[in-house]
Amino acid sequence: MLKVIGTEPDTPPPIAPLRDATARPRFSVMLPTHEPDEKLLVSLRSVLAQAPPRDRMQIAIVDDASRPGRLRDLVRSVDPHDRIEIFEFRDRLGLAGNWNRAIELARGHLVHLLHQDDYVRPTFYARIEQGFLGPVRIGMAFTRSLIVDGDDRLIKTSSRLRWLPGVLADWLPLIAERQRIQTPAAVVARSVYEEVGGYRPDLCQTLDWEMWVRIAAHAPVWYEPRSLAVYRRHSGNESARLRSTGEVWPDLTRAIEINARSLPEAIRDRVTAASARWYAASALRTVERLLAEGAVDQAAATLGQIPGMLRLLGPTSHQQPVHRRLATLRLQVGTRAARAA
């Protein structure tokens, strides 16, 4: 049985049910955009190549205040028959706001948020649908992903979580420990968004991860081990920008704290500490990389964010190895800064 989030303070924004629930498509593929370029065409082609008829799949672009004119010309080049709906808005809502707006505009039972620079591989929708047709009522389904750079060169493949398709066992503590899902690989039942709420506007980098944790706390999750989604990691995307500015680290700390609310009390402290330890180690590796690149100011800024994560680790004994590494890096950063002065 799916639970419904209550009305306590600091809850996610609501997603309203559809007023007219008749003649709904099975899928809504929603592409939130802002100043898209030609990578959007790859995304659209990947969907159109496997799209069922209109009555089975809604395909829509939800644009967040891009400059007028460019978007429709791009879409027309791959969609001369107006298969794709275009919603253009002049009010800029930002990442979470536009994702939630896209969900509100989705008419399908199953909602796929596809970034403008990501794409799906053949059979993605057919395989995902198998999860929702099974005997267990699931809240979401996702596939393994390929992670590529801006030129489509493979960086890595996401970890395999099981060998055969199926519902993931003990999934909540795994996903609450760290992000394991690329957004283009995930499809969520619209009814579940209606029950748990939308994406949080107070998060920037981690709003999708927090959503996956929230859903895992309320419904079973199905997994396809084939790599059927492609996530682009390049200097122009939002994730890269947030990492370069250092905004990602306080955002991660905030997400870990929010995720703890979705965890049963019996595992809350253990999983929260494991999550904080994982991301603190990631931040320390980032400092080492920045120092190797000579980016001393960025390294110092990242170091300044790590204590916020360490307070989530629990007993002092759990923090000692991280604190020793932190002290060493502080000394290195201070030495480099002094030399540059």
Protein backbone atom coordinates (compact mmCIF):
# COMPACT_ATOMS: atom_id res chain seq x y z
CA MET A 1 0.00 0.00 0.00
CA LEU A 2 1.38 3.43 -0.96
CA LYS A 3 1.48 5.99 1.82
CA VAL A 4 0.68 9.65 1.32
CA ILE A 5 2.98 12.36 2.66
CA GLY A 6 1.29 14.43 5.32
CA THR A 7 0.86 18.16 5.62
CA GLU A 8 3.72 18.80 8.04
CA PRO A 9 5.89 21.90 7.40
CA ASP A 10 8.63 21.79 4.80
CA THR A 11 6.87 19.33 2.52
CA PRO A 12 7.48 19.08 -1.24
CA PRO A 13 5.24 21.02 -3.63
CA PRO A 14 2.02 19.17 -4.47
CA ILE A 15 1.24 17.61 -7.85
CA ALA A 16 -2.45 17.94 -8.63
CA PRO A 17 -4.36 14.99 -10.10
CA LEU A 18 -5.67 15.40 -13.64
CA ARG A 19 -9.10 16.96 -13.86
CA ASP A 20 -10.00 14.98 -16.96
CA ALA A 21 -8.77 11.42 -16.49
CA THR A 22 -10.41 9.96 -19.59
CA ALA A 23 -8.57 8.69 -22.68
CA ARG A 24 -5.13 9.01 -21.18
CA PRO A 25 -1.98 7.80 -22.95
CA ARG A 26 0.19 5.17 -21.33
CA PHE A 27 3.36 7.32 -21.39
CA SER A 28 4.13 11.00 -21.16
CA VAL A 29 7.65 11.78 -22.33
CA MET A 30 8.29 15.30 -21.06
CA LEU A 31 11.41 17.21 -22.06
CA PRO A 32 12.07 20.23 -19.80
CA THR A 33 14.27 22.68 -21.73
CA HIS A 34 16.11 25.96 -21.34
CA GLU A 35 18.13 27.39 -24.24
CA PRO A 36 18.45 23.99 -25.94
CA ASP A 37 20.96 23.28 -28.70
CA GLU A 38 21.30 20.50 -31.28
CA LYS A 39 21.64 17.87 -28.55
CA LEU A 40 17.88 18.19 -28.12
CA LEU A 41 17.47 16.72 -31.61
CA VAL A 42 19.27 13.55 -30.52
CA SER A 43 16.92 13.28 -27.54
CA LEU A 44 13.84 13.73 -29.71
CA ARG A 45 14.99 11.29 -32.39
CA SER A 46 15.67 8.65 -29.74
CA VAL A 47 12.06 8.93 -28.53
CA LEU A 48 10.40 9.23 -31.94
CA ALA A 49 12.21 6.12 -33.21
CA GLN A 50 10.38 3.94 -30.68
CA ALA A 51 7.24 5.97 -29.99
CA PRO A 52 3.84 4.27 -30.21
CA PRO A 53 0.85 6.25 -31.61
CA ARG A 54 -0.31 9.51 -30.02
CA ASP A 55 -3.03 7.80 -28.02
CA ARG A 56 -0.33 5.69 -26.32
CA MET A 57 2.40 8.27 -25.84
CA GLN A 58 2.41 12.01 -25.27
CA ILE A 59 5.69 13.68 -26.27
CA ALA A 60 6.03 17.25 -25.08
CA ILE A 61 8.67 19.94 -24.64
CA VAL A 62 8.21 22.25 -21.65
CA ASP A 63 10.42 25.27 -22.17
CA ASP A 64 11.56 27.43 -19.28
CA ALA A 65 11.82 30.94 -20.77
CA SER A 66 14.30 30.35 -23.59
CA ARG A 67 14.86 33.09 -26.12
CA PRO A 68 11.95 33.11 -28.61
CA GLY A 69 12.20 31.45 -32.01
CA ARG A 70 15.03 28.93 -31.67
CA LEU A 71 13.11 26.06 -30.10
CA ARG A 72 10.40 25.66 -32.74
CA ASP A 73 12.95 25.71 -35.56
CA LEU A 74 14.90 22.93 -33.87
CA VAL A 75 11.85 20.76 -33.30
CA ARG A 76 10.47 21.27 -36.81
CA SER A 77 13.66 19.83 -38.29
CA VAL A 78 12.93 16.39 -36.76
CA ASP A 79 9.14 16.61 -36.41
CA PRO A 80 7.54 17.92 -39.60
CA HIS A 81 4.17 16.34 -38.70
CA ASP A 82 3.73 18.07 -35.30
CA ARG A 83 3.91 14.86 -33.30
CA ILE A 84 5.61 16.78 -30.46
CA GLU A 85 3.72 19.23 -28.28
CA ILE A 86 5.54 22.45 -27.39
CA PHE A 87 4.75 24.44 -24.25
CA GLU A 88 6.70 27.70 -24.09
CA PHE A 89 6.64 29.80 -20.94
CA ARG A 90 8.01 33.27 -20.38
CA ASP A 91 8.22 32.94 -16.59
CA ARG A 92 11.47 31.25 -15.53
CA LEU A 93 10.87 28.66 -12.83
CA GLY A 94 14.30 27.02 -12.72
CA LEU A 95 15.09 23.32 -12.61
CA ALA A 96 12.65 22.02 -9.98
CA GLY A 97 9.88 24.40 -10.99
CA ASN A 98 10.03 23.42 -14.64
CA TRP A 99 10.22 19.71 -13.85
CA ASN A 100 7.11 20.04 -11.70
CA ARG A 101 5.40 22.07 -14.42
CA ALA A 102 6.20 19.27 -16.87
CA ILE A 103 4.64 16.69 -14.56
CA GLU A 104 1.50 18.82 -14.21
CA LEU A 105 1.23 18.95 -18.02
CA ALA A 106 1.73 15.19 -18.36
CA ARG A 107 -1.46 13.32 -19.24
CA GLY A 108 0.01 9.82 -19.27
CA HIS A 109 -0.09 7.24 -16.54
CA LEU A 110 3.70 6.95 -16.64
CA VAL A 111 5.92 10.05 -16.74
CA HIS A 112 9.43 10.14 -18.21
CA LEU A 113 11.40 13.35 -17.62
CA LEU A 114 14.07 13.40 -20.33
CA HIS A 115 16.75 16.09 -20.18
CA GLN A 116 17.39 18.08 -23.33
CA ASP A 117 20.92 16.68 -23.68
CA ASP A 118 20.23 13.03 -22.74
CA TYR A 119 18.60 10.27 -24.74
CA VAL A 120 17.27 6.72 -24.65
CA ARG A 121 18.26 3.62 -26.56
CA PRO A 122 16.00 1.27 -28.56
CA THR A 123 13.41 -0.72 -26.53
CA PHE A 124 13.66 1.63 -23.51
CA TYR A 125 9.89 2.19 -23.25
CA ALA A 126 8.98 -1.42 -24.05
CA ARG A 127 11.27 -2.71 -21.32
CA ILE A 128 10.18 -0.11 -18.76
CA GLU A 129 6.54 -0.94 -19.36
CA GLN A 130 7.20 -4.56 -18.40
CA GLY A 131 7.92 -3.42 -14.88
CA PHE A 132 4.57 -1.67 -14.59
CA LEU A 133 2.73 -4.69 -16.03
CA GLY A 134 4.05 -7.06 -13.36
CA PRO A 135 2.12 -8.46 -10.38
CA VAL A 136 3.60 -5.90 -7.94
CA ARG A 137 2.32 -2.34 -8.03
CA ILE A 138 5.52 -0.34 -8.42
CA GLY A 139 6.08 3.39 -8.02
CA MET A 140 8.86 3.76 -10.54
CA ALA A 141 11.11 1.80 -12.89
CA PHE A 142 14.59 2.55 -14.17
CA THR A 143 17.28 1.04 -16.34
CA ARG A 144 21.03 0.90 -16.18
CA SER A 145 22.71 3.88 -17.88
CA LEU A 146 25.62 4.75 -20.09
CA ILE A 147 27.41 7.92 -19.00
CA VAL A 148 29.07 9.72 -21.90
CA ASP A 149 30.85 13.02 -22.50
CA GLY A 150 29.71 15.84 -24.76
CA ASP A 151 31.03 13.98 -27.81
CA ASP A 152 29.26 10.71 -26.90
CA ARG A 153 32.45 9.01 -25.77
CA LEU A 154 31.75 6.48 -23.05
CA ILE A 155 32.94 7.54 -19.59
CA LYS A 156 31.45 4.64 -17.67
CA THR A 157 28.40 2.42 -17.24
CA SER A 158 26.34 2.71 -14.09
CA SER A 159 26.65 -0.11 -11.59
CA ARG A 160 24.65 -3.29 -12.14
CA LEU A 161 22.18 -3.71 -9.28
CA ARG A 162 20.88 -7.15 -10.24
CA TRP A 163 21.34 -9.55 -13.16
CA LEU A 164 17.71 -9.98 -14.17
CA PRO A 165 14.87 -7.44 -14.44
CA GLY A 166 12.70 -7.20 -11.39
CA VAL A 167 11.73 -5.42 -8.19
CA LEU A 168 14.74 -4.37 -6.13
CA ALA A 169 14.99 -5.86 -2.65
CA ASP A 170 16.08 -3.66 0.29
CA TRP A 171 16.30 -0.74 -2.10
CA LEU A 172 15.59 2.12 0.32
CA PRO A 173 18.88 1.99 2.30
CA LEU A 174 20.88 1.57 -0.93
CA ILE A 175 19.43 4.59 -2.70
CA ALA A 176 19.45 6.67 0.51
CA GLU A 177 23.18 6.05 0.91
CA ARG A 178 24.06 7.61 -2.46
CA GLN A 179 22.71 8.51 -5.88
CA ARG A 180 22.54 5.45 -8.14
CA ILE A 181 20.06 6.56 -10.83
CA GLN A 182 20.52 8.89 -13.78
CA THR A 183 17.32 10.88 -14.32
CA PRO A 184 16.81 9.93 -18.02
CA ALA A 185 16.73 6.26 -16.98
CA ALA A 186 13.73 6.68 -14.63
CA VAL A 187 10.00 6.54 -15.31
CA VAL A 188 7.54 7.31 -12.48
CA ALA A 189 3.82 6.66 -12.23
CA ARG A 190 2.02 9.99 -12.29
CA SER A 191 -0.19 8.78 -9.44
CA VAL A 192 2.96 8.41 -7.32
CA TYR A 193 4.01 12.00 -7.99
CA GLU A 194 0.48 12.95 -6.91
CA GLU A 195 0.95 10.99 -3.68
CA VAL A 196 4.50 11.98 -2.68
CA GLY A 197 4.68 15.47 -4.19
CA GLY A 198 6.97 17.11 -6.72
CA TYR A 199 10.65 17.98 -6.85
CA ARG A 200 11.94 20.26 -4.11
CA PRO A 201 12.92 23.78 -5.22
CA ASP A 202 15.26 24.13 -2.24
CA LEU A 203 17.59 21.55 -3.82
CA CYS A 204 19.59 22.10 -7.01
CA GLN A 205 21.97 19.22 -7.77
CA THR A 206 20.26 16.58 -5.64
CA LEU A 207 16.56 17.12 -6.29
CA ASP A 208 16.29 13.90 -8.33
CA TRP A 209 18.17 11.81 -5.74
CA GLU A 210 15.89 13.05 -2.95
CA MET A 211 12.87 12.12 -5.10
CA TRP A 212 14.15 8.58 -5.66
CA VAL A 213 14.58 8.15 -1.90
CA ARG A 214 11.10 9.52 -1.24
CA ILE A 215 9.55 7.15 -3.78
CA ALA A 216 11.53 4.16 -2.46
CA ALA A 217 10.08 4.82 1.00
CA HIS A 218 6.55 4.62 -0.38
CA ALA A 219 6.49 2.04 -3.17
CA PRO A 220 8.44 -0.85 -4.71
CA VAL A 221 10.93 0.04 -7.46
CA TRP A 222 11.64 -2.06 -10.57
CA TYR A 223 14.98 -2.32 -12.36
CA GLU A 224 16.11 -3.25 -15.87
CA PRO A 225 19.82 -4.23 -15.98
CA ARG A 226 20.26 -3.43 -19.67
CA SER A 227 21.83 -0.01 -20.35
CA LEU A 228 18.95 1.68 -22.17
CA ALA A 229 19.42 5.33 -21.14
CA VAL A 230 22.29 7.69 -21.92
CA TYR A 231 23.31 10.50 -19.59
CA ARG A 232 25.63 13.18 -20.95
CA ARG A 233 28.24 14.58 -18.58
CA HIS A 234 29.79 17.67 -20.11
CA SER A 235 30.94 21.17 -19.15
CA GLY A 236 27.71 22.80 -20.33
CA ASN A 237 25.22 20.93 -18.16
CA GLU A 238 23.85 22.08 -14.82
CA SER A 239 25.66 19.41 -12.80
CA ALA A 240 29.04 20.58 -14.10
CA ARG A 241 28.20 24.20 -13.29
CA LEU A 242 27.20 23.37 -9.72
CA ARG A 243 30.37 21.38 -9.15
CA SER A 244 32.56 24.14 -10.54
CA THR A 245 30.98 26.73 -8.21
CA GLY A 246 31.04 24.46 -5.15
CA GLU A 247 27.25 24.70 -4.71
CA VAL A 248 26.93 20.92 -4.90
CA TRP A 249 28.38 20.22 -1.43
CA PRO A 250 25.94 22.16 0.79
CA ASP A 251 23.19 20.85 -1.47
CA LEU A 252 24.32 17.27 -0.80
CA THR A 253 24.38 17.91 2.94
CA ARG A 254 20.86 19.29 2.78
CA ALA A 255 19.67 16.27 0.76
CA ILE A 256 21.20 13.81 3.23
CA GLU A 257 19.31 15.53 6.06
CA ILE A 258 16.04 15.46 4.11
CA ASN A 259 16.54 11.83 3.06
CA ALA A 260 16.86 10.85 6.70
CA ARG A 261 13.19 11.73 7.17
CA SER A 262 12.22 8.99 4.71
CA LEU A 263 14.14 6.29 6.59
CA PRO A 264 12.73 4.02 9.29
CA GLU A 265 14.14 4.87 12.70
CA ALA A 266 15.88 1.49 12.96
CA ILE A 267 18.25 2.29 10.06
CA ARG A 268 18.18 6.09 10.00
CA ASP A 269 21.41 6.85 11.85
CA ARG A 270 23.41 4.11 10.13
CA VAL A 271 22.36 5.00 6.59
CA THR A 272 22.70 8.75 7.19
CA ALA A 273 26.24 8.29 8.49
CA ALA A 274 27.13 6.05 5.54
CA SER A 275 25.81 8.66 3.13
CA ALA A 276 27.71 11.49 4.80
CA ARG A 277 30.90 9.40 4.81
CA TRP A 278 30.55 8.59 1.10
CA TYR A 279 30.04 12.20 0.04
CA ALA A 280 32.66 13.62 2.41
CA ALA A 281 35.16 11.23 0.81
CA SER A 282 33.98 12.42 -2.62
CA ALA A 283 34.54 16.04 -1.57
CA LEU A 284 38.04 15.22 -0.31
CA ARG A 285 38.88 13.53 -3.63
CA THR A 286 37.62 16.65 -5.38
CA VAL A 287 39.96 18.80 -3.28
CA GLU A 288 42.89 16.57 -4.25
CA ARG A 289 41.98 16.85 -7.92
CA LEU A 290 41.59 20.63 -7.73
CA LEU A 291 44.99 20.93 -6.05
CA ALA A 292 46.55 18.81 -8.79
CA GLU A 293 45.00 21.17 -11.34
CA GLY A 294 46.28 24.24 -9.49
CA ALA A 295 42.77 25.48 -8.60
CA VAL A 296 43.69 26.44 -5.03
CA ASP A 297 40.77 28.83 -4.43
CA GLN A 298 38.23 26.21 -5.52
CA ALA A 299 39.97 23.58 -3.38
CA ALA A 300 39.75 25.89 -0.36
CA ALA A 301 36.07 26.58 -0.99
CA THR A 302 35.32 22.84 -1.21
CA LEU A 303 37.25 22.18 2.01
CA GLY A 304 35.08 24.75 3.75
CA GLN A 305 31.95 22.72 2.97
CA ILE A 306 33.16 19.38 4.32
CA PRO A 307 32.61 20.07 8.07
CA GLY A 308 28.90 20.43 7.34
CA MET A 309 28.83 16.82 6.19
CA LEU A 310 31.01 15.57 9.03
CA ARG A 311 28.48 16.61 11.66
CA LEU A 312 26.14 13.97 10.17
CA LEU A 313 28.61 11.13 10.79
CA GLY A 314 27.57 10.47 14.36
CA PRO A 315 30.11 9.23 16.96
CA THR A 316 33.48 10.99 16.96
CA SER A 317 35.28 7.68 16.36
CA HIS A 318 33.60 7.46 12.94
CA GLN A 319 34.97 10.87 12.02
CA GLN A 320 38.64 10.44 12.93
CA PRO A 321 39.97 9.08 9.57
CA VAL A 322 38.14 11.79 7.64
CA HIS A 323 39.35 14.51 10.01
CA ARG A 324 42.95 13.38 9.60
CA ARG A 325 42.66 13.53 5.81
CA LEU A 326 40.91 16.90 6.08
CA ALA A 327 43.72 18.30 8.23
CA THR A 328 46.33 17.14 5.74
CA LEU A 329 44.52 18.77 2.84
CA ARG A 330 44.02 22.00 4.79
CA LEU A 331 47.76 22.17 5.31
CA GLN A 332 48.40 21.59 1.60
CA VAL A 333 45.87 24.23 0.57
CA GLY A 334 47.33 26.73 3.04
CA THR A 335 50.85 26.07 1.78
CA ARG A 336 49.80 26.50 -1.87
CA ALA A 337 47.89 29.68 -1.08
CA ALA A 338 50.86 31.15 0.79
CA ARG A 339 53.15 30.45 -2.16
CA ALA A 340 50.75 32.15 -4.54
CA ALA A 341 50.41 35.26 -2.35
